Amino acid sequence: MILHKQNLFGRIITNAVLYLWTAAVLYPLLWTLLASLKDNPQFLLKEPWTLPEFPLLWSNFTYVWSKYGFGSFFLNSTIVTLSSIFLSVFLAATSSYVLARFAFKAGQVMYYLYLSAMMIPMILGLIPLFFLLNDMGLINTLLGLVIVYTASALPFGIFVLVSFFKMLPKELEEAAYIDGAGYSRTFFSVMLPLARSGLISVGIMNGLNIWNEYIMGTVFINDPKLYTLPVGIAVMQTEMQYRTEWGPLFAGLLLSIIPVIIIYFIFQRQIAEGVTAGAVK
């Protein structure tokens, strides 16, 4: 009876904490949505937490979308993010497989070199990267941004996937060799599908980081037509602050959040599977 009461008390405390945490996460989103439906008099003459007046200004969303070219921001971010995810996951998977399954003298050195790259703040490499991309003619191009994002995402991918490949049973690999499969066939047909949860986790984590990245996008892209979403949002925010267009500003911020929320909803099961698989293997 006492144990049952303790379990009930623990569940109540846990649920209360979860409800509070959910409210803390949802409140800023709800406030941003309400703020995006107001005009300037409602911001300047009333308390900031008051509800928007009718009619709700849904036109703030269409205004900010058409005036600031949100369509091109989304398109550029989508191209850069998907290309970088594909390249970084593919390169990380192939490199991790070799480092994890083949013993050679330089293997450990290469692995720790990759890991050491995770310790270096990206801002320290901005100037050398800028001159390197400039010499290669890749400044102000989405290709240059894809190359930089892919290279910066590789260390994390290798760190995660080397552990995945090391934990896969050797018997499956040996059975593939006995059946006549070569190294490439064994990797693509046997080992790569087994590391699926790790690949998805790495892809999602890298994708979210690249989608929200701002500093490199600002330094390496100066053409407004090639702005990614974070850079476009920053430019829009600066201009709207001077013009006090608070409603469209919050509408733009909300538009930039929606894709990330959709990705979380679509891939939440894969994220959970990836984390769980890495924990119990």
Protein backbone atom coordinates (compact mmCIF):
# COMPACT_ATOMS: atom_id res chain seq x y z
CA MET A 1 0.00 0.00 0.00
CA ILE A 2 2.83 2.38 0.94
CA LEU A 3 4.70 1.45 -2.24
CA HIS A 4 1.55 2.13 -4.30
CA LYS A 5 1.18 5.60 -2.70
CA GLN A 6 4.85 6.34 -3.40
CA ASN A 7 4.42 5.36 -7.07
CA LEU A 8 1.26 7.49 -7.33
CA PHE A 9 3.04 10.46 -5.74
CA GLY A 10 5.99 10.01 -8.11
CA ARG A 11 3.69 9.94 -11.16
CA ILE A 12 1.93 13.11 -9.98
CA ILE A 13 5.25 14.93 -9.55
CA THR A 14 6.49 13.68 -12.94
CA ASN A 15 3.30 14.72 -14.72
CA ALA A 16 3.35 18.13 -13.03
CA VAL A 17 6.94 18.74 -14.16
CA LEU A 18 6.13 17.61 -17.71
CA TYR A 19 3.06 19.88 -17.88
CA LEU A 20 5.11 22.84 -16.64
CA TRP A 21 7.86 22.11 -19.16
CA THR A 22 5.30 21.81 -21.98
CA ALA A 23 3.74 25.13 -20.98
CA ALA A 24 7.19 26.78 -20.87
CA VAL A 25 7.91 25.54 -24.42
CA LEU A 26 4.50 26.35 -25.91
CA TYR A 27 4.01 29.78 -24.32
CA PRO A 28 6.64 31.61 -26.48
CA LEU A 29 5.20 30.02 -29.63
CA LEU A 30 1.66 31.01 -28.67
CA TRP A 31 2.77 34.55 -27.78
CA THR A 32 4.59 34.85 -31.12
CA LEU A 33 1.45 33.72 -32.97
CA LEU A 34 -0.75 36.25 -31.13
CA ALA A 35 1.80 39.03 -31.68
CA SER A 36 1.94 38.27 -35.40
CA LEU A 37 -1.80 39.07 -35.68
CA LYS A 38 -1.57 42.61 -34.24
CA ASP A 39 -0.97 46.03 -35.77
CA ASN A 40 1.30 48.78 -34.41
CA PRO A 41 -1.34 50.59 -32.25
CA GLN A 42 -2.00 47.35 -30.38
CA PHE A 43 1.74 47.01 -29.66
CA LEU A 44 2.31 50.65 -28.70
CA LEU A 45 -0.87 51.50 -26.77
CA LYS A 46 -1.70 48.25 -24.96
CA GLU A 47 -0.01 45.75 -22.72
CA PRO A 48 2.20 43.28 -24.61
CA TRP A 49 0.32 40.20 -23.34
CA THR A 50 -3.16 41.32 -24.38
CA LEU A 51 -5.01 39.30 -27.01
CA PRO A 52 -5.11 40.67 -30.62
CA GLU A 53 -8.23 42.56 -31.64
CA PHE A 54 -10.59 41.44 -34.40
CA PRO A 55 -10.24 41.29 -37.31
CA LEU A 56 -7.03 39.31 -36.92
CA LEU A 57 -4.28 40.54 -39.24
CA TRP A 58 -3.48 37.34 -41.14
CA SER A 59 -2.31 39.68 -43.91
CA ASN A 60 0.95 40.13 -41.94
CA PHE A 61 2.01 36.69 -43.16
CA THR A 62 1.30 37.39 -46.84
CA TYR A 63 2.94 40.83 -46.53
CA VAL A 64 6.20 39.53 -45.10
CA TRP A 65 6.24 36.56 -47.50
CA SER A 66 5.90 38.71 -50.63
CA LYS A 67 7.92 41.77 -49.57
CA TYR A 68 11.02 39.98 -48.28
CA GLY A 69 11.11 37.02 -50.68
CA PHE A 70 10.61 34.32 -48.12
CA GLY A 71 10.11 31.85 -50.96
CA SER A 72 13.74 32.27 -52.11
CA PHE A 73 14.97 32.08 -48.50
CA PHE A 74 13.18 28.76 -48.04
CA LEU A 75 14.37 27.44 -51.41
CA ASN A 76 18.02 28.35 -50.72
CA SER A 77 17.92 26.86 -47.23
CA THR A 78 16.27 23.69 -48.54
CA ILE A 79 18.86 23.24 -51.31
CA VAL A 80 21.79 23.86 -48.97
CA THR A 81 20.42 21.74 -46.13
CA LEU A 82 19.40 18.68 -48.19
CA SER A 83 22.64 18.70 -50.21
CA SER A 84 24.77 19.04 -47.08
CA ILE A 85 22.84 16.28 -45.27
CA PHE A 86 23.25 13.85 -48.16
CA LEU A 87 26.96 14.53 -48.60
CA SER A 88 27.81 14.63 -44.89
CA VAL A 89 25.92 11.42 -44.08
CA PHE A 90 27.35 9.54 -47.09
CA LEU A 91 30.93 10.63 -46.41
CA ALA A 92 30.60 10.05 -42.67
CA ALA A 93 29.14 6.57 -43.23
CA THR A 94 31.86 5.44 -45.64
CA SER A 95 34.67 6.90 -43.50
CA SER A 96 33.21 5.49 -40.28
CA TYR A 97 32.86 2.02 -41.79
CA VAL A 98 36.52 1.94 -42.77
CA LEU A 99 37.70 3.36 -39.44
CA ALA A 100 35.53 0.95 -37.43
CA ARG A 101 35.93 -2.31 -39.34
CA PHE A 102 39.45 -2.19 -40.83
CA ALA A 103 42.60 -2.14 -38.72
CA PHE A 104 45.40 0.02 -40.14
CA LYS A 105 48.05 2.17 -38.49
CA ALA A 106 46.69 5.56 -39.49
CA GLY A 107 43.13 4.66 -38.51
CA GLN A 108 43.31 5.81 -34.90
CA VAL A 109 45.19 8.97 -35.88
CA MET A 110 42.56 9.85 -38.47
CA TYR A 111 39.73 9.14 -36.00
CA TYR A 112 41.18 11.45 -33.34
CA LEU A 113 41.90 14.12 -35.94
CA TYR A 114 38.20 14.07 -36.85
CA LEU A 115 37.24 14.26 -33.17
CA SER A 116 39.66 17.14 -32.53
CA ALA A 117 37.85 19.12 -35.22
CA MET A 118 34.77 19.11 -32.96
CA MET A 119 36.75 21.01 -30.29
CA ILE A 120 37.67 23.94 -32.56
CA PRO A 121 35.16 26.83 -32.52
CA MET A 122 33.92 27.42 -36.05
CA ILE A 123 34.40 31.18 -35.73
CA LEU A 124 38.19 30.67 -35.61
CA GLY A 125 38.13 29.19 -39.09
CA LEU A 126 36.01 31.85 -40.74
CA ILE A 127 38.88 33.98 -42.10
CA PRO A 128 40.93 31.08 -43.57
CA LEU A 129 37.74 29.58 -45.00
CA PHE A 130 36.77 32.89 -46.57
CA PHE A 131 40.12 33.26 -48.38
CA LEU A 132 40.05 29.58 -49.40
CA LEU A 133 36.55 29.85 -50.89
CA ASN A 134 37.47 33.17 -52.51
CA ASP A 135 40.50 31.61 -54.23
CA MET A 136 38.24 28.78 -55.46
CA GLY A 137 35.61 31.22 -56.73
CA LEU A 138 32.99 29.85 -54.33
CA ILE A 139 32.12 33.02 -52.42
CA ASN A 140 28.51 34.02 -53.02
CA THR A 141 27.57 30.55 -54.23
CA LEU A 142 25.36 27.92 -52.62
CA LEU A 143 27.93 25.28 -53.62
CA GLY A 144 30.55 26.92 -51.39
CA LEU A 145 28.11 26.95 -48.50
CA VAL A 146 27.28 23.26 -49.09
CA ILE A 147 30.97 22.33 -49.03
CA VAL A 148 31.60 24.23 -45.80
CA TYR A 149 28.50 22.80 -44.08
CA THR A 150 29.38 19.27 -45.20
CA ALA A 151 32.92 19.54 -43.87
CA SER A 152 31.76 21.02 -40.57
CA ALA A 153 29.18 18.23 -40.10
CA LEU A 154 31.59 15.36 -40.79
CA PRO A 155 33.28 15.11 -37.34
CA PHE A 156 29.97 14.68 -35.49
CA GLY A 157 28.74 12.11 -38.01
CA ILE A 158 31.96 10.10 -37.77
CA PHE A 159 31.90 10.29 -33.97
CA VAL A 160 28.41 8.74 -33.88
CA LEU A 161 28.65 6.26 -36.76
CA VAL A 162 32.01 4.73 -35.82
CA SER A 163 30.37 3.53 -32.58
CA PHE A 164 27.41 2.12 -34.55
CA PHE A 165 29.60 0.17 -36.98
CA LYS A 166 31.82 -1.16 -34.18
CA MET A 167 28.78 -2.64 -32.42
CA LEU A 168 27.43 -4.47 -35.47
CA PRO A 169 28.13 -8.25 -35.36
CA LYS A 170 31.14 -9.39 -37.41
CA GLU A 171 29.36 -12.63 -38.33
CA LEU A 172 27.03 -10.83 -40.76
CA GLU A 173 29.97 -9.22 -42.53
CA GLU A 174 31.86 -12.54 -42.72
CA ALA A 175 28.74 -14.30 -44.07
CA ALA A 176 28.52 -11.71 -46.86
CA TYR A 177 32.17 -12.30 -47.79
CA ILE A 178 31.59 -16.08 -47.86
CA ASP A 179 28.61 -15.54 -50.19
CA GLY A 180 30.92 -13.75 -52.60
CA ALA A 181 30.10 -10.10 -51.81
CA GLY A 182 32.95 -7.64 -52.13
CA TYR A 183 33.69 -4.73 -49.81
CA SER A 184 31.32 -2.33 -51.58
CA ARG A 185 28.44 -4.83 -51.79
CA THR A 186 28.91 -5.77 -48.13
CA PHE A 187 28.87 -2.13 -47.09
CA PHE A 188 25.86 -0.97 -49.12
CA SER A 189 23.72 -4.14 -48.86
CA VAL A 190 24.51 -5.41 -45.35
CA MET A 191 26.23 -2.92 -43.05
CA LEU A 192 24.61 0.35 -44.17
CA PRO A 193 20.99 -0.84 -43.63
CA LEU A 194 21.94 -2.08 -40.15
CA ALA A 195 23.17 1.41 -39.23
CA ARG A 196 19.92 3.01 -40.47
CA SER A 197 18.90 4.46 -37.09
CA GLY A 198 22.33 6.03 -36.65
CA LEU A 199 22.27 7.49 -40.16
CA ILE A 200 18.83 9.02 -39.55
CA SER A 201 19.90 10.50 -36.20
CA VAL A 202 23.04 12.03 -37.71
CA GLY A 203 21.07 13.36 -40.68
CA ILE A 204 18.41 14.99 -38.52
CA MET A 205 20.87 16.54 -36.06
CA ASN A 206 23.08 17.88 -38.84
CA GLY A 207 20.04 19.07 -40.78
CA LEU A 208 18.68 21.10 -37.88
CA ASN A 209 22.10 22.67 -37.24
CA ILE A 210 22.56 23.57 -40.91
CA TRP A 211 19.00 24.88 -41.29
CA ASN A 212 19.51 27.26 -38.34
CA GLU A 213 23.13 28.21 -39.11
CA TYR A 214 23.64 31.97 -39.41
CA ILE A 215 27.29 33.08 -39.10
CA MET A 216 28.77 31.28 -42.11
CA GLY A 217 25.75 32.17 -44.20
CA THR A 218 26.34 35.84 -43.40
CA VAL A 219 30.08 35.77 -44.10
CA PHE A 220 30.11 33.68 -47.29
CA ILE A 221 26.90 34.96 -48.93
CA ASN A 222 26.44 38.64 -49.79
CA ASP A 223 23.89 38.37 -52.61
CA PRO A 224 20.33 38.89 -51.26
CA LYS A 225 19.03 36.39 -53.85
CA LEU A 226 21.16 33.67 -52.24
CA TYR A 227 20.32 34.43 -48.61
CA THR A 228 19.40 31.43 -46.51
CA LEU A 229 16.47 31.63 -44.11
CA PRO A 230 18.44 32.70 -40.95
CA VAL A 231 20.29 35.41 -42.89
CA GLY A 232 17.07 36.64 -44.50
CA ILE A 233 15.35 36.72 -41.11
CA ALA A 234 18.22 38.77 -39.64
CA VAL A 235 18.06 41.30 -42.50
CA MET A 236 14.28 41.49 -42.20
CA GLN A 237 14.50 41.96 -38.42
CA THR A 238 16.97 44.85 -38.75
CA GLU A 239 14.83 46.68 -41.31
CA MET A 240 11.54 46.14 -39.47
CA GLN A 241 12.93 47.35 -36.15
CA TYR A 242 13.64 50.73 -37.71
CA ARG A 243 10.20 50.84 -39.32
CA THR A 244 8.48 49.42 -36.19
CA GLU A 245 6.62 46.77 -38.18
CA TRP A 246 6.26 44.48 -35.20
CA GLY A 247 3.35 42.39 -36.48
CA PRO A 248 5.01 41.38 -39.78
CA LEU A 249 8.27 40.82 -37.89
CA PHE A 250 6.68 38.21 -35.59
CA ALA A 251 4.87 36.70 -38.60
CA GLY A 252 8.24 36.24 -40.32
CA LEU A 253 9.77 34.68 -37.21
CA LEU A 254 6.86 32.25 -36.97
CA LEU A 255 7.22 31.29 -40.64
CA SER A 256 10.87 30.44 -40.02
CA ILE A 257 9.95 28.19 -37.08
CA ILE A 258 7.25 26.17 -38.86
CA PRO A 259 9.58 23.95 -41.00
CA VAL A 260 11.58 22.87 -37.93
CA ILE A 261 8.38 21.98 -36.05
CA ILE A 262 7.12 19.97 -39.05
CA ILE A 263 10.43 18.07 -39.24
CA TYR A 264 10.17 17.20 -35.54
CA PHE A 265 6.60 15.93 -35.99
CA ILE A 266 7.44 13.86 -39.07
CA PHE A 267 10.69 12.33 -37.81
CA GLN A 268 10.02 12.13 -34.06
CA ARG A 269 9.79 8.32 -34.16
CA GLN A 270 13.10 8.03 -36.06
CA ILE A 271 14.78 10.42 -33.61
CA ALA A 272 13.60 8.33 -30.66
CA GLU A 273 14.68 5.09 -32.37
CA GLY A 274 18.10 6.48 -33.12
CA VAL A 275 18.72 7.62 -29.57
CA THR A 276 17.40 4.34 -28.10
CA ALA A 277 19.41 2.18 -30.48
CA GLY A 278 22.58 4.01 -29.61
CA ALA A 279 21.88 3.64 -25.91
CA VAL A 280 21.20 -0.11 -25.72
CA LYS A 281 23.59 -1.57 -28.28
